[in-house]
Protein backbone atom coordinates (compact mmCIF):
# COMPACT_ATOMS: atom_id res chain seq x y z
CA MET A 1 0.00 0.09 0.22
CA PRO A 2 1.25 3.44 -1.04
CA GLU A 3 2.61 6.12 1.78
CA ILE A 4 -0.04 9.07 2.21
CA SER A 5 1.19 9.62 5.17
CA GLY A 6 4.98 12.14 6.33
CA ARG A 7 6.61 13.32 2.99
CA ALA A 8 4.76 12.75 -0.05
CA GLN A 9 7.14 11.85 -3.10
CA THR A 10 7.66 14.88 -4.01
CA GLY A 11 8.99 16.47 -0.72
CA GLU A 12 6.02 18.04 0.52
CA LEU A 13 5.21 17.25 4.03
CA ALA A 14 1.55 16.30 4.62
CA PRO A 15 -0.40 17.60 7.21
CA PRO A 16 -0.79 15.31 10.35
CA ASP A 17 -3.89 13.74 11.32
CA PRO A 18 -7.04 15.82 12.62
CA GLU A 19 -9.13 15.37 15.68
CA PRO A 20 -11.79 13.18 14.32
CA LEU A 21 -15.51 14.21 13.76
CA SER A 22 -17.53 12.43 15.81
CA SER A 23 -20.29 12.31 13.51
CA PRO A 24 -20.08 11.25 9.91
CA VAL A 25 -19.92 13.43 6.76
CA PHE A 26 -18.88 13.51 2.88
CA ASP A 27 -16.19 15.37 1.03
CA ALA A 28 -18.59 16.99 -1.65
CA HIS A 29 -15.73 17.78 -3.93
CA THR A 30 -12.12 15.88 -4.54
CA HIS A 31 -9.68 15.01 -7.26
CA LEU A 32 -8.55 11.25 -6.14
CA ASP A 33 -6.53 11.14 -9.43
CA ALA A 34 -4.91 14.55 -8.44
CA VAL A 35 -3.63 13.78 -4.90
CA ALA A 36 -1.24 10.89 -6.12
CA GLU A 37 -0.57 13.38 -9.10
CA ARG A 38 1.10 15.68 -6.30
CA ALA A 39 1.93 12.85 -3.86
CA GLY A 40 4.11 11.06 -7.16
CA VAL A 41 2.08 8.07 -7.05
CA GLU A 42 0.25 6.03 -9.24
CA PRO A 43 -3.39 6.49 -8.66
CA ASP A 44 -4.20 2.69 -8.68
CA ALA A 45 -6.55 0.76 -6.35
CA ALA A 46 -4.30 0.89 -3.67
CA PHE A 47 -3.49 4.62 -3.86
CA VAL A 48 -7.84 5.32 -3.28
CA GLU A 49 -8.16 2.69 -0.80
CA ALA A 50 -5.13 4.01 1.32
CA VAL A 51 -6.55 7.74 1.02
CA MET A 52 -10.21 6.52 1.58
CA ALA A 53 -9.09 3.92 4.88
CA ARG A 54 -7.23 7.89 6.25
CA ALA A 55 -10.54 9.50 5.74
CA ARG A 56 -12.37 7.14 7.35
CA GLY A 57 -10.15 7.25 10.53
CA ALA A 58 -11.08 11.49 10.80
CA GLY A 59 -14.44 10.56 10.52
CA VAL A 60 -15.57 11.61 6.48
CA THR A 61 -16.87 8.19 4.97
CA SER A 62 -17.23 9.21 1.22
CA VAL A 63 -15.89 11.30 -1.01
CA ILE A 64 -17.30 12.57 -4.88
CA THR A 65 -14.30 12.40 -7.53
CA VAL A 66 -14.55 15.05 -10.34
CA GLY A 67 -13.64 14.56 -13.85
CA THR A 68 -11.50 17.67 -14.99
CA SER A 69 -11.26 16.43 -18.09
CA VAL A 70 -13.04 13.51 -20.45
CA GLU A 71 -9.97 10.98 -19.72
CA SER A 72 -9.80 12.00 -15.65
CA SER A 73 -13.88 11.82 -15.75
CA ARG A 74 -13.52 8.21 -17.03
CA TRP A 75 -11.08 7.30 -14.30
CA CYS A 76 -13.41 8.19 -11.55
CA VAL A 77 -15.78 6.34 -13.03
CA GLN A 78 -13.94 3.68 -13.02
CA ALA A 79 -12.27 4.35 -8.82
CA ALA A 80 -15.96 4.95 -8.36
CA ARG A 81 -17.00 1.45 -9.86
CA ALA A 82 -14.15 -0.16 -7.89
CA HIS A 83 -14.32 1.59 -4.28
CA PRO A 84 -17.20 1.50 -1.65
CA GLY A 85 -17.58 5.17 -0.48
CA VAL A 86 -16.44 6.56 -3.70
CA PHE A 87 -18.44 8.67 -6.30
CA ALA A 88 -17.87 10.30 -9.24
CA ALA A 89 -18.90 13.71 -11.28
CA VAL A 90 -18.06 14.16 -14.50
CA ALA A 91 -17.13 17.13 -16.83
CA VAL A 92 -14.46 18.99 -18.59
CA HIS A 93 -13.14 21.52 -16.55
CA PRO A 94 -13.52 25.55 -18.06
CA THR A 95 -9.87 25.80 -18.47
CA GLU A 96 -9.53 22.21 -20.23
CA ILE A 97 -12.04 22.89 -23.15
CA GLY A 98 -9.85 23.10 -25.78
CA GLY A 99 -10.55 20.70 -28.83
CA LEU A 100 -13.99 19.51 -27.00
CA GLY A 101 -16.04 17.84 -29.35
CA GLU A 102 -19.30 15.87 -30.10
CA ARG A 103 -17.61 12.32 -29.52
CA ASP A 104 -16.25 14.03 -26.28
CA TYR A 105 -19.62 14.72 -24.99
CA ALA A 106 -20.87 11.45 -26.63
CA GLU A 107 -18.49 9.60 -24.10
CA LEU A 108 -19.47 12.34 -21.34
CA GLU A 109 -23.11 11.31 -21.33
CA GLU A 110 -22.41 7.44 -21.47
CA LEU A 111 -20.46 7.60 -18.30
CA ALA A 112 -23.36 9.67 -16.81
CA ALA A 113 -24.97 7.00 -16.90
CA ASP A 114 -23.78 5.10 -14.54
CA PRO A 115 -25.27 4.51 -11.43
CA ARG A 116 -22.23 6.09 -9.31
CA VAL A 117 -21.88 9.59 -11.09
CA VAL A 118 -24.11 11.25 -9.08
CA ALA A 119 -23.25 15.14 -10.56
CA ILE A 120 -22.19 16.72 -14.12
CA GLY A 121 -18.93 18.19 -13.02
CA GLU A 122 -16.99 20.79 -12.59
CA THR A 123 -17.90 22.34 -15.57
CA GLY A 124 -18.76 26.48 -15.24
CA LEU A 125 -16.55 29.76 -16.15
CA ASP A 126 -13.02 30.47 -14.92
CA TYR A 127 -12.10 34.59 -16.18
CA HIS A 128 -8.92 34.25 -13.80
CA TRP A 129 -6.72 32.14 -16.62
CA ASP A 130 -6.41 33.13 -20.00
CA THR A 131 -6.26 30.00 -21.43
CA THR A 132 -9.15 29.52 -22.97
CA GLU A 133 -11.97 31.96 -24.14
CA PRO A 134 -14.63 33.63 -22.47
CA ALA A 135 -17.27 32.85 -25.22
CA ASP A 136 -15.69 29.34 -25.55
CA GLN A 137 -16.13 28.70 -21.72
CA GLN A 138 -19.30 30.16 -22.10
CA HIS A 139 -20.71 28.20 -24.56
CA HIS A 140 -19.15 24.63 -23.12
CA PHE A 141 -21.19 25.45 -19.95
CA ARG A 142 -24.33 26.10 -22.18
CA ARG A 143 -23.49 22.53 -23.02
CA HIS A 144 -22.79 20.37 -19.70
CA ILE A 145 -25.65 22.37 -17.95
CA ASP A 146 -28.03 20.61 -21.17
CA LEU A 147 -26.08 17.62 -20.24
CA ALA A 148 -27.14 17.40 -16.44
CA LYS A 149 -30.94 18.10 -17.44
CA ARG A 150 -31.53 15.46 -20.10
CA VAL A 151 -29.42 12.69 -17.64
CA GLY A 152 -31.08 14.02 -15.01
CA LYS A 153 -28.06 14.57 -12.39
CA PRO A 154 -26.93 17.93 -10.69
CA LEU A 155 -24.74 20.42 -11.89
CA MET A 156 -21.78 21.19 -10.09
CA ILE A 157 -19.98 24.85 -11.19
CA HIS A 158 -17.06 25.96 -11.14
CA ASP A 159 -17.03 30.07 -10.91
CA ARG A 160 -13.94 31.93 -10.34
CA GLU A 161 -14.46 35.71 -10.75
CA ALA A 162 -16.91 34.95 -13.32
CA HIS A 163 -20.58 35.23 -10.71
CA GLN A 164 -22.61 37.25 -12.85
CA ASP A 165 -21.56 35.41 -15.90
CA ILE A 166 -22.67 31.96 -14.29
CA LEU A 167 -26.16 33.43 -12.95
CA ARG A 168 -27.28 34.62 -15.97
CA LEU A 169 -26.34 31.60 -18.19
CA LEU A 170 -27.99 29.77 -15.43
CA ALA A 171 -31.10 31.88 -16.37
CA GLU A 172 -30.94 31.95 -20.25
CA GLU A 173 -30.61 28.77 -20.10
CA GLY A 174 -32.36 26.82 -17.65
CA ALA A 175 -30.93 25.57 -14.11
CA PRO A 176 -31.49 21.77 -13.53
CA ALA A 177 -33.15 21.23 -10.64
CA LYS A 178 -30.38 21.36 -8.75
CA VAL A 179 -27.40 23.06 -8.76
CA VAL A 180 -24.00 23.01 -6.67
CA PHE A 181 -21.48 25.94 -6.78
CA HIS A 182 -18.26 23.75 -5.73
CA ALA A 183 -15.49 26.10 -3.33
CA PHE A 184 -18.06 29.23 -3.24
CA SER A 185 -15.89 31.87 -4.04
CA GLY A 186 -18.37 34.64 -3.40
CA ASP A 187 -19.16 37.30 -0.79
CA GLU A 188 -22.66 37.43 1.32
CA ALA A 189 -24.49 39.47 -1.76
CA PHE A 190 -23.51 36.72 -3.66
CA ALA A 191 -23.95 34.02 -1.65
CA ARG A 192 -28.01 35.62 -0.96
CA ARG A 193 -28.41 35.53 -4.30
CA CYS A 194 -27.23 31.88 -4.83
CA VAL A 195 -29.82 30.84 -1.89
CA SER A 196 -32.77 32.44 -3.10
CA ALA A 197 -32.75 30.83 -6.07
CA GLY A 198 -32.83 27.33 -4.14
CA TYR A 199 -28.75 26.90 -5.12
CA VAL A 200 -26.05 24.48 -2.89
CA LEU A 201 -23.03 26.13 -1.70
CA SER A 202 -20.21 23.92 -0.93
CA PHE A 203 -17.41 25.75 1.42
CA PRO A 204 -13.55 24.19 0.86
CA GLY A 205 -11.06 25.19 3.26
CA VAL A 206 -10.72 28.56 1.88
CA VAL A 207 -13.38 29.85 4.22
CA THR A 208 -10.67 28.72 7.09
CA PHE A 209 -7.77 31.32 5.88
CA THR A 210 -7.38 34.62 8.01
CA ASN A 211 -7.67 36.61 4.60
CA ALA A 212 -11.24 35.32 4.31
CA PRO A 213 -13.54 37.44 6.10
CA SER A 214 -16.17 38.23 3.39
CA LEU A 215 -16.58 34.01 2.71
CA ARG A 216 -16.90 33.35 5.97
CA ALA A 217 -19.35 36.34 5.43
CA ALA A 218 -21.22 34.12 3.60
CA ALA A 219 -21.09 30.90 5.00
CA ALA A 220 -22.68 32.82 7.66
CA ILE A 221 -26.03 33.50 6.01
CA THR A 222 -26.43 30.08 4.29
CA PRO A 223 -28.64 28.15 5.52
CA PRO A 224 -27.45 24.82 6.81
CA ASP A 225 -29.52 22.94 4.42
CA GLN A 226 -28.12 24.89 1.13
CA MET A 227 -24.57 23.66 2.57
CA LEU A 228 -22.29 21.57 1.73
CA VAL A 229 -18.57 21.27 2.33
CA GLU A 230 -15.17 19.81 0.50
CA THR A 231 -11.60 19.89 0.50
CA ASP A 232 -11.21 20.19 -3.84
CA ALA A 233 -7.71 18.12 -3.00
CA PRO A 234 -4.95 17.97 -3.26
CA PHE A 235 -5.58 22.12 -3.49
CA LEU A 236 -6.54 24.58 -0.96
CA THR A 237 -5.30 22.76 2.01
CA PRO A 238 -6.81 24.32 5.42
CA HIS A 239 -5.66 26.64 7.46
CA PRO A 240 -2.95 26.12 9.58
CA TYR A 241 -1.64 23.65 6.69
CA ARG A 242 -1.95 26.22 3.93
CA GLY A 243 0.03 25.37 0.60
CA ARG A 244 0.42 22.22 1.54
CA PRO A 245 -1.09 18.83 0.22
CA ASN A 246 -4.69 18.51 0.82
CA ALA A 247 -7.12 15.19 1.31
CA PRO A 248 -10.29 14.11 2.06
CA TYR A 249 -9.00 13.16 5.80
CA LEU A 250 -8.54 16.97 6.11
CA LEU A 251 -12.10 17.89 6.31
CA PRO A 252 -12.66 18.04 9.77
CA HIS A 253 -10.72 21.46 9.65
CA THR A 254 -12.97 23.17 7.33
CA LEU A 255 -16.80 21.61 8.92
CA VAL A 256 -15.07 22.84 12.63
CA ARG A 257 -14.56 26.44 10.91
CA LEU A 258 -18.37 26.04 9.01
CA ALA A 259 -19.99 25.09 12.29
CA HIS A 260 -18.86 27.95 14.31
CA GLU A 261 -19.96 30.48 11.72
CA ILE A 262 -22.76 29.45 11.64
CA GLY A 263 -23.39 28.59 15.18
CA LEU A 264 -24.07 24.40 15.07
CA GLU A 265 -21.58 21.88 17.18
CA PRO A 266 -20.08 20.21 14.02
CA ALA A 267 -21.75 16.95 14.99
CA GLU A 268 -25.30 18.77 14.13
CA LEU A 269 -23.66 20.25 11.02
CA SER A 270 -22.38 17.06 9.97
CA GLU A 271 -25.77 15.38 10.53
CA ARG A 272 -27.38 18.12 7.70
CA ILE A 273 -24.83 17.97 5.85
CA MET A 274 -25.11 14.57 5.13
CA GLU A 275 -28.73 15.02 4.84
CA THR A 276 -28.41 17.66 2.37
CA GLY A 277 -26.51 14.93 0.58
CA ALA A 278 -28.31 12.59 0.34
CA ARG A 279 -31.18 14.59 -0.59
CA ILE A 280 -28.84 16.42 -3.93
CA PHE A 281 -26.80 13.32 -4.61
CA GLY A 282 -28.95 10.40 -3.46
CA ARG A 283 -29.65 8.97 -0.13
CA ALA A 284 -25.93 6.32 -1.19
CA ILE A 285 -23.76 8.98 0.06
CA SER A 286 -24.55 8.92 3.63
CA ALA A 287 -25.23 4.55 3.43
CA ASP A 288 -22.56 3.66 1.26
CA GLN A 289 -20.19 1.44 3.32
CA PRO A 290 -17.04 -0.22 2.69
């Protein structure tokens, strides 16, 4: 079994295990293949088993591993089929849409039909990087919105510096019945608009950063039944380990801070998040165990 604690093969020191949660929760958005890549190891079955074992030790009983390309979406589905507690989302990230064609969409739709796939994502808009044109991103976001509605699965949105266009395109296309803003990055005003529309906001480790008061204000006005928590591993590692490799076992840091911001005990927030996960992604999210 590959080593996932201590110093990764890349030389990065993995954070220590947190205090385990007293009530189980799930990681609403992670990238297990990228976790392996950052650790410098193959994303094989033994690696996934090791990641999930460490996550369960922290009280994180299931995860959604999310595709960012057709290839990674394919890997996510294979991992979800092979491992209890692992579910998949399939899509192409807005910065990876170059060359995306009809055959790719046909494969994404085929992958999306798998019962272990619980969302279409991550898709959306990213105006921070200039690797793809905004007009192209918007075209493919529309295609993913349509795909989510046709297969009847939630839409998992990547929104970076594109708040207004995200809401505009959702309104123009007609939003799917279930929409999740992954790694929510808006302020309180934007959160109120999303909550009013019935969207679910998933909060990452950024909410623990000392320089993120506006995100904490957004969390504070988000109803618990419209809130999820995620790692976005290997990215967005929570304080006090910012910059070091993230993984699902570190989710308790973010959940505990979120609970504090909205005035709930961590165990109660875990229970509410599991209820929301079952409503949005299906009951297997909270029931599927190894």
